[in-house]
N, C-alpha and C. Protein backbone atom coordinates (compact mmCIF):
# COMPACT_ATOMS: atom_id res chain seq x y z
N UNK A 1 -14.05 8.86 13.50
CA UNK A 1 -13.00 7.85 13.51
C UNK A 1 -11.65 8.57 13.33
N UNK A 2 -10.73 8.30 14.21
CA UNK A 2 -9.44 8.97 14.13
C UNK A 2 -8.48 8.20 13.20
N UNK A 3 -7.37 8.85 12.87
CA UNK A 3 -6.43 8.29 11.91
C UNK A 3 -5.84 6.97 12.39
N UNK A 4 -5.57 6.83 13.68
CA UNK A 4 -4.98 5.58 14.19
C UNK A 4 -5.87 4.39 13.88
N UNK A 5 -7.17 4.52 14.14
CA UNK A 5 -8.10 3.42 13.86
C UNK A 5 -8.22 3.16 12.36
N UNK A 6 -8.29 4.23 11.59
CA UNK A 6 -8.39 4.08 10.13
C UNK A 6 -7.14 3.39 9.59
N UNK A 7 -5.97 3.81 10.07
CA UNK A 7 -4.73 3.22 9.58
C UNK A 7 -4.62 1.74 9.96
N UNK A 8 -5.01 1.40 11.18
CA UNK A 8 -4.99 -0.01 11.60
C UNK A 8 -5.94 -0.85 10.74
N UNK A 9 -7.12 -0.32 10.49
CA UNK A 9 -8.09 -1.03 9.65
C UNK A 9 -7.57 -1.18 8.24
N UNK A 10 -6.97 -0.13 7.71
CA UNK A 10 -6.43 -0.17 6.36
C UNK A 10 -5.28 -1.19 6.27
N UNK A 11 -4.41 -1.21 7.26
CA UNK A 11 -3.32 -2.20 7.27
C UNK A 11 -3.89 -3.62 7.28
N UNK A 12 -4.92 -3.84 8.09
CA UNK A 12 -5.54 -5.16 8.14
C UNK A 12 -6.15 -5.52 6.79
N UNK A 13 -6.86 -4.58 6.16
CA UNK A 13 -7.43 -4.80 4.83
C UNK A 13 -6.32 -5.17 3.84
N UNK A 14 -5.22 -4.44 3.87
CA UNK A 14 -4.13 -4.69 2.93
C UNK A 14 -3.57 -6.09 3.10
N UNK A 15 -3.35 -6.51 4.35
CA UNK A 15 -2.81 -7.85 4.59
C UNK A 15 -3.80 -8.94 4.18
N UNK A 16 -5.08 -8.71 4.43
CA UNK A 16 -6.10 -9.69 4.02
C UNK A 16 -6.15 -9.79 2.51
N UNK A 17 -6.13 -8.65 1.83
CA UNK A 17 -6.17 -8.65 0.36
C UNK A 17 -4.93 -9.35 -0.19
N UNK A 18 -3.76 -9.08 0.37
CA UNK A 18 -2.54 -9.75 -0.08
C UNK A 18 -2.64 -11.25 0.14
N UNK A 19 -3.14 -11.67 1.27
CA UNK A 19 -3.29 -13.09 1.58
C UNK A 19 -4.26 -13.75 0.60
N UNK A 20 -5.40 -13.12 0.36
CA UNK A 20 -6.40 -13.70 -0.54
C UNK A 20 -5.87 -13.77 -1.97
N UNK A 21 -5.34 -12.66 -2.46
CA UNK A 21 -4.83 -12.66 -3.84
C UNK A 21 -3.64 -13.62 -4.01
N UNK A 22 -2.76 -13.63 -3.02
CA UNK A 22 -1.61 -14.55 -3.08
C UNK A 22 -2.04 -16.00 -3.05
N UNK A 23 -3.02 -16.32 -2.22
CA UNK A 23 -3.51 -17.70 -2.13
C UNK A 23 -4.20 -18.13 -3.42
N UNK A 24 -5.08 -17.27 -3.93
CA UNK A 24 -5.75 -17.60 -5.19
C UNK A 24 -4.75 -17.74 -6.33
N UNK A 25 -3.78 -16.86 -6.36
CA UNK A 25 -2.77 -16.92 -7.40
C UNK A 25 -1.93 -18.18 -7.29
N UNK A 26 -1.60 -18.58 -6.07
CA UNK A 26 -0.81 -19.80 -5.87
C UNK A 26 -1.57 -21.03 -6.36
N UNK A 27 -2.89 -21.00 -6.23
CA UNK A 27 -3.70 -22.14 -6.67
C UNK A 27 -3.89 -22.20 -8.18
N UNK A 28 -4.01 -21.04 -8.81
CA UNK A 28 -4.43 -21.02 -10.21
C UNK A 28 -3.42 -20.46 -11.20
N UNK A 29 -2.38 -19.79 -10.73
CA UNK A 29 -1.46 -19.12 -11.65
C UNK A 29 -0.03 -19.67 -11.48
N UNK A 30 0.89 -19.14 -12.28
CA UNK A 30 2.28 -19.58 -12.24
C UNK A 30 2.99 -19.01 -11.01
N UNK A 31 4.15 -19.57 -10.74
CA UNK A 31 4.94 -19.09 -9.60
C UNK A 31 5.38 -17.64 -9.80
N UNK A 32 5.74 -17.29 -11.04
CA UNK A 32 6.17 -15.92 -11.31
C UNK A 32 5.03 -14.93 -11.07
N UNK A 33 3.83 -15.30 -11.48
CA UNK A 33 2.68 -14.43 -11.28
C UNK A 33 2.42 -14.24 -9.79
N UNK A 34 2.44 -15.34 -9.04
CA UNK A 34 2.24 -15.28 -7.60
C UNK A 34 3.33 -14.45 -6.93
N UNK A 35 4.58 -14.66 -7.37
CA UNK A 35 5.69 -13.87 -6.82
C UNK A 35 5.48 -12.39 -7.12
N UNK A 36 4.96 -12.07 -8.29
CA UNK A 36 4.69 -10.68 -8.65
C UNK A 36 3.67 -10.06 -7.71
N UNK A 37 2.61 -10.79 -7.42
CA UNK A 37 1.59 -10.27 -6.50
C UNK A 37 2.19 -10.05 -5.12
N UNK A 38 2.93 -11.05 -4.62
CA UNK A 38 3.50 -10.94 -3.28
C UNK A 38 4.55 -9.84 -3.18
N UNK A 39 5.46 -9.79 -4.14
CA UNK A 39 6.51 -8.77 -4.12
C UNK A 39 5.91 -7.38 -4.28
N UNK A 40 4.99 -7.21 -5.23
CA UNK A 40 4.34 -5.92 -5.43
C UNK A 40 3.55 -5.48 -4.21
N UNK A 41 2.83 -6.42 -3.61
CA UNK A 41 2.05 -6.09 -2.41
C UNK A 41 2.93 -5.67 -1.25
N UNK A 42 4.00 -6.40 -1.02
CA UNK A 42 4.91 -6.06 0.08
C UNK A 42 5.61 -4.72 -0.17
N UNK A 43 6.01 -4.49 -1.42
CA UNK A 43 6.67 -3.23 -1.76
C UNK A 43 5.74 -2.05 -1.53
N UNK A 44 4.52 -2.14 -2.00
CA UNK A 44 3.61 -1.00 -1.91
C UNK A 44 3.15 -0.77 -0.47
N UNK A 45 3.00 -1.84 0.30
CA UNK A 45 2.62 -1.65 1.70
C UNK A 45 3.76 -1.01 2.49
N UNK A 46 4.99 -1.40 2.20
CA UNK A 46 6.14 -0.77 2.86
C UNK A 46 6.24 0.70 2.45
N UNK A 47 6.02 0.98 1.18
CA UNK A 47 6.06 2.36 0.70
C UNK A 47 4.96 3.20 1.34
N UNK A 48 3.77 2.64 1.44
CA UNK A 48 2.65 3.36 2.06
C UNK A 48 2.94 3.63 3.53
N UNK A 49 3.51 2.66 4.23
CA UNK A 49 3.87 2.85 5.64
C UNK A 49 4.91 3.96 5.78
N UNK A 50 5.92 3.95 4.92
CA UNK A 50 6.96 4.98 4.98
C UNK A 50 6.37 6.36 4.66
N UNK A 51 5.48 6.44 3.69
CA UNK A 51 4.84 7.72 3.35
C UNK A 51 4.01 8.22 4.52
N UNK A 52 3.26 7.34 5.14
CA UNK A 52 2.45 7.71 6.29
C UNK A 52 3.32 8.24 7.41
N UNK A 53 4.45 7.59 7.66
CA UNK A 53 5.37 8.04 8.70
C UNK A 53 5.96 9.42 8.37
N UNK A 54 6.35 9.62 7.12
CA UNK A 54 6.92 10.90 6.69
C UNK A 54 5.91 12.03 6.85
N UNK A 55 4.69 11.79 6.43
CA UNK A 55 3.64 12.82 6.52
C UNK A 55 3.34 13.14 7.98
N UNK A 56 3.26 12.13 8.81
CA UNK A 56 2.97 12.37 10.23
C UNK A 56 4.09 13.18 10.88
N UNK A 57 5.34 12.88 10.56
CA UNK A 57 6.47 13.62 11.11
C UNK A 57 6.45 15.07 10.65
N UNK A 58 6.04 15.29 9.41
CA UNK A 58 6.02 16.65 8.87
C UNK A 58 4.95 17.51 9.52
N UNK A 59 3.89 16.89 10.02
CA UNK A 59 2.79 17.66 10.60
C UNK A 59 2.78 17.66 12.12
N UNK A 60 3.79 17.09 12.75
CA UNK A 60 3.89 17.19 14.20
C UNK A 60 4.14 18.65 14.58
N UNK A 61 3.57 19.12 15.68
CA UNK A 61 3.77 20.52 16.07
C UNK A 61 5.24 20.90 16.25
N UNK A 62 6.03 19.99 16.79
CA UNK A 62 7.44 20.28 17.01
C UNK A 62 8.33 19.34 16.21
N UNK A 63 7.82 18.84 15.09
CA UNK A 63 8.58 17.90 14.27
C UNK A 63 9.78 18.54 13.61
N UNK A 64 10.75 17.71 13.20
CA UNK A 64 11.96 18.25 12.59
C UNK A 64 11.71 18.93 11.24
N UNK A 65 10.64 18.54 10.56
CA UNK A 65 10.36 19.11 9.24
C UNK A 65 9.12 20.01 9.28
N UNK A 66 8.79 20.57 10.44
CA UNK A 66 7.57 21.37 10.57
C UNK A 66 7.57 22.53 9.58
N UNK A 67 6.55 22.53 8.73
CA UNK A 67 6.38 23.62 7.79
C UNK A 67 7.30 23.57 6.58
N UNK A 68 8.13 22.56 6.48
CA UNK A 68 9.05 22.46 5.35
C UNK A 68 8.58 21.39 4.39
N UNK A 69 8.40 21.78 3.15
CA UNK A 69 7.94 20.83 2.13
C UNK A 69 9.10 20.05 1.51
N UNK A 70 10.27 20.64 1.46
CA UNK A 70 11.40 20.03 0.75
C UNK A 70 11.76 18.63 1.27
N UNK A 71 11.86 18.39 2.59
CA UNK A 71 12.20 17.04 3.04
C UNK A 71 11.13 16.00 2.69
N UNK A 72 9.86 16.41 2.77
CA UNK A 72 8.78 15.48 2.43
C UNK A 72 8.84 15.13 0.95
N UNK A 73 9.04 16.11 0.11
CA UNK A 73 9.12 15.88 -1.34
C UNK A 73 10.36 15.07 -1.69
N UNK A 74 11.49 15.37 -1.05
CA UNK A 74 12.72 14.63 -1.32
C UNK A 74 12.57 13.16 -0.95
N UNK A 75 11.98 12.88 0.22
CA UNK A 75 11.77 11.50 0.63
C UNK A 75 10.81 10.78 -0.31
N UNK A 76 9.80 11.49 -0.78
CA UNK A 76 8.85 10.91 -1.73
C UNK A 76 9.57 10.47 -3.00
N UNK A 77 10.39 11.35 -3.56
CA UNK A 77 11.09 11.00 -4.79
C UNK A 77 12.15 9.93 -4.57
N UNK A 78 12.78 9.90 -3.41
CA UNK A 78 13.73 8.82 -3.11
C UNK A 78 13.01 7.47 -3.06
N UNK A 79 11.84 7.43 -2.41
CA UNK A 79 11.07 6.19 -2.36
C UNK A 79 10.60 5.80 -3.75
N UNK A 80 10.17 6.78 -4.55
CA UNK A 80 9.72 6.51 -5.90
C UNK A 80 10.86 5.93 -6.75
N UNK A 81 12.04 6.51 -6.61
CA UNK A 81 13.21 5.99 -7.33
C UNK A 81 13.59 4.60 -6.89
N UNK A 82 13.54 4.35 -5.58
CA UNK A 82 13.85 3.02 -5.07
C UNK A 82 12.84 2.00 -5.59
N UNK A 83 11.56 2.38 -5.59
CA UNK A 83 10.53 1.47 -6.12
C UNK A 83 10.76 1.18 -7.59
N UNK A 84 11.09 2.21 -8.36
CA UNK A 84 11.34 2.02 -9.78
C UNK A 84 12.53 1.08 -9.99
N UNK A 85 13.58 1.28 -9.20
CA UNK A 85 14.74 0.40 -9.31
C UNK A 85 14.42 -1.04 -8.97
N UNK A 86 13.65 -1.25 -7.92
CA UNK A 86 13.27 -2.61 -7.54
C UNK A 86 12.37 -3.25 -8.59
N UNK A 87 11.42 -2.49 -9.10
CA UNK A 87 10.53 -3.01 -10.13
C UNK A 87 11.34 -3.41 -11.36
N UNK A 88 12.25 -2.54 -11.79
CA UNK A 88 13.10 -2.86 -12.94
C UNK A 88 13.92 -4.12 -12.67
N UNK A 89 14.52 -4.22 -11.49
CA UNK A 89 15.34 -5.37 -11.15
C UNK A 89 14.54 -6.67 -11.21
N UNK A 90 13.37 -6.70 -10.54
CA UNK A 90 12.59 -7.92 -10.49
C UNK A 90 12.07 -8.33 -11.86
N UNK A 91 11.67 -7.36 -12.68
CA UNK A 91 11.17 -7.70 -14.02
C UNK A 91 12.32 -8.11 -14.94
N UNK A 92 13.44 -7.40 -14.88
CA UNK A 92 14.56 -7.72 -15.77
C UNK A 92 15.18 -9.09 -15.45
N UNK A 93 15.14 -9.49 -14.18
CA UNK A 93 15.65 -10.80 -13.80
C UNK A 93 14.62 -11.91 -14.05
N UNK A 94 13.44 -11.51 -14.50
CA UNK A 94 12.33 -12.41 -14.79
C UNK A 94 11.93 -13.24 -13.58
N UNK A 95 12.02 -12.63 -12.39
CA UNK A 95 11.59 -13.29 -11.17
C UNK A 95 10.09 -13.15 -10.95
N UNK A 96 9.51 -12.10 -11.54
CA UNK A 96 8.09 -11.83 -11.35
C UNK A 96 7.44 -11.59 -12.71
N UNK A 97 6.15 -11.85 -12.76
CA UNK A 97 5.36 -11.53 -13.94
C UNK A 97 4.90 -10.08 -13.82
N UNK A 98 5.07 -9.28 -14.89
CA UNK A 98 4.70 -7.86 -14.80
C UNK A 98 3.22 -7.62 -14.46
N UNK A 99 2.33 -8.47 -14.95
CA UNK A 99 0.90 -8.29 -14.64
C UNK A 99 0.65 -8.61 -13.17
N UNK A 100 1.25 -9.67 -12.66
CA UNK A 100 1.12 -10.00 -11.25
C UNK A 100 1.69 -8.89 -10.37
N UNK A 101 2.82 -8.32 -10.80
CA UNK A 101 3.42 -7.21 -10.06
C UNK A 101 2.49 -6.00 -10.04
N UNK A 102 1.86 -5.71 -11.17
CA UNK A 102 0.92 -4.57 -11.23
C UNK A 102 -0.27 -4.81 -10.30
N UNK A 103 -0.75 -6.04 -10.26
CA UNK A 103 -1.86 -6.36 -9.34
C UNK A 103 -1.39 -6.19 -7.90
N UNK A 104 -0.21 -6.68 -7.58
CA UNK A 104 0.33 -6.54 -6.24
C UNK A 104 0.51 -5.08 -5.84
N UNK A 105 0.96 -4.26 -6.79
CA UNK A 105 1.16 -2.85 -6.51
C UNK A 105 -0.17 -2.10 -6.33
N UNK A 106 -1.27 -2.75 -6.66
CA UNK A 106 -2.60 -2.13 -6.52
C UNK A 106 -3.27 -2.47 -5.20
N UNK A 107 -2.62 -3.22 -4.36
CA UNK A 107 -3.25 -3.70 -3.12
C UNK A 107 -3.68 -2.55 -2.22
N UNK A 108 -2.86 -1.53 -2.07
CA UNK A 108 -3.23 -0.42 -1.19
C UNK A 108 -4.44 0.33 -1.76
N UNK A 109 -4.51 0.48 -3.06
CA UNK A 109 -5.66 1.14 -3.68
C UNK A 109 -6.93 0.32 -3.43
N UNK A 110 -6.82 -0.99 -3.60
CA UNK A 110 -7.96 -1.87 -3.34
C UNK A 110 -8.38 -1.76 -1.87
N UNK A 111 -7.40 -1.71 -0.98
CA UNK A 111 -7.68 -1.57 0.45
C UNK A 111 -8.36 -0.25 0.78
N UNK A 112 -7.92 0.83 0.16
CA UNK A 112 -8.54 2.14 0.40
C UNK A 112 -9.98 2.15 -0.10
N UNK A 113 -10.22 1.57 -1.27
CA UNK A 113 -11.59 1.48 -1.79
C UNK A 113 -12.45 0.64 -0.85
N UNK A 114 -11.92 -0.51 -0.40
CA UNK A 114 -12.67 -1.36 0.53
C UNK A 114 -12.97 -0.65 1.83
N UNK A 115 -12.00 0.10 2.35
CA UNK A 115 -12.22 0.86 3.58
C UNK A 115 -13.29 1.94 3.36
N UNK A 116 -13.24 2.61 2.23
CA UNK A 116 -14.24 3.62 1.91
C UNK A 116 -15.64 3.02 1.85
N UNK A 117 -15.76 1.85 1.23
CA UNK A 117 -17.07 1.18 1.16
C UNK A 117 -17.54 0.80 2.56
N UNK A 118 -16.62 0.29 3.38
CA UNK A 118 -16.99 -0.07 4.75
C UNK A 118 -17.46 1.15 5.54
N UNK A 119 -16.77 2.26 5.42
CA UNK A 119 -17.15 3.47 6.15
C UNK A 119 -18.48 4.03 5.67
N UNK A 120 -18.73 3.95 4.37
CA UNK A 120 -20.02 4.41 3.82
C UNK A 120 -21.15 3.53 4.34
N UNK A 121 -20.94 2.22 4.32
CA UNK A 121 -21.97 1.30 4.83
C UNK A 121 -22.23 1.55 6.31
N UNK A 122 -21.17 1.79 7.07
CA UNK A 122 -21.32 2.05 8.50
C UNK A 122 -22.10 3.35 8.73
N UNK A 123 -21.79 4.38 7.95
CA UNK A 123 -22.48 5.67 8.08
C UNK A 123 -23.97 5.52 7.76
N UNK A 124 -24.28 4.84 6.66
CA UNK A 124 -25.68 4.67 6.28
C UNK A 124 -26.43 3.78 7.26
N UNK A 125 -25.79 2.77 7.83
CA UNK A 125 -26.47 1.90 8.78
C UNK A 125 -26.74 2.63 10.08
N UNK A 126 -25.88 3.56 10.47
CA UNK A 126 -26.11 4.36 11.68
C UNK A 126 -27.23 5.38 11.47
N UNK A 127 -27.35 5.88 10.24
CA UNK A 127 -28.39 6.87 9.96
C UNK A 127 -29.78 6.25 9.93
N UNK A 128 -29.88 4.99 9.56
CA UNK A 128 -31.19 4.35 9.45
C UNK A 128 -31.73 3.87 10.80
N UNK A 129 -30.88 3.84 11.80
CA UNK A 129 -31.33 3.36 13.11
C UNK A 129 -32.03 4.43 13.88
């Protein structure tokens, strides 16, 4: 399985997880908690997409940052700082619940674990045939 297919599957998993968690939260939790899940999920998915783009550009054979670690590291820390600033802003304005935000920020991790389980199940099902 190539990276393009894995990335598309992972993006789909992330959106499904965000939809399910957001829907369940909207039914059973407060608006702030639901906003935390949605804001955290959108932030982390955007960050993951930007990281994926940065890494791919760094490893292109004729990319602008070929063989240079400094631009990749600098962009990583800029994104990390921006995320920290946004998290501080949303929590300090009391627009989101911190626990809901933490759950939302975990969506990509949940998606990666789900993708790993799917790939393991696929591998074992192919071996038994």
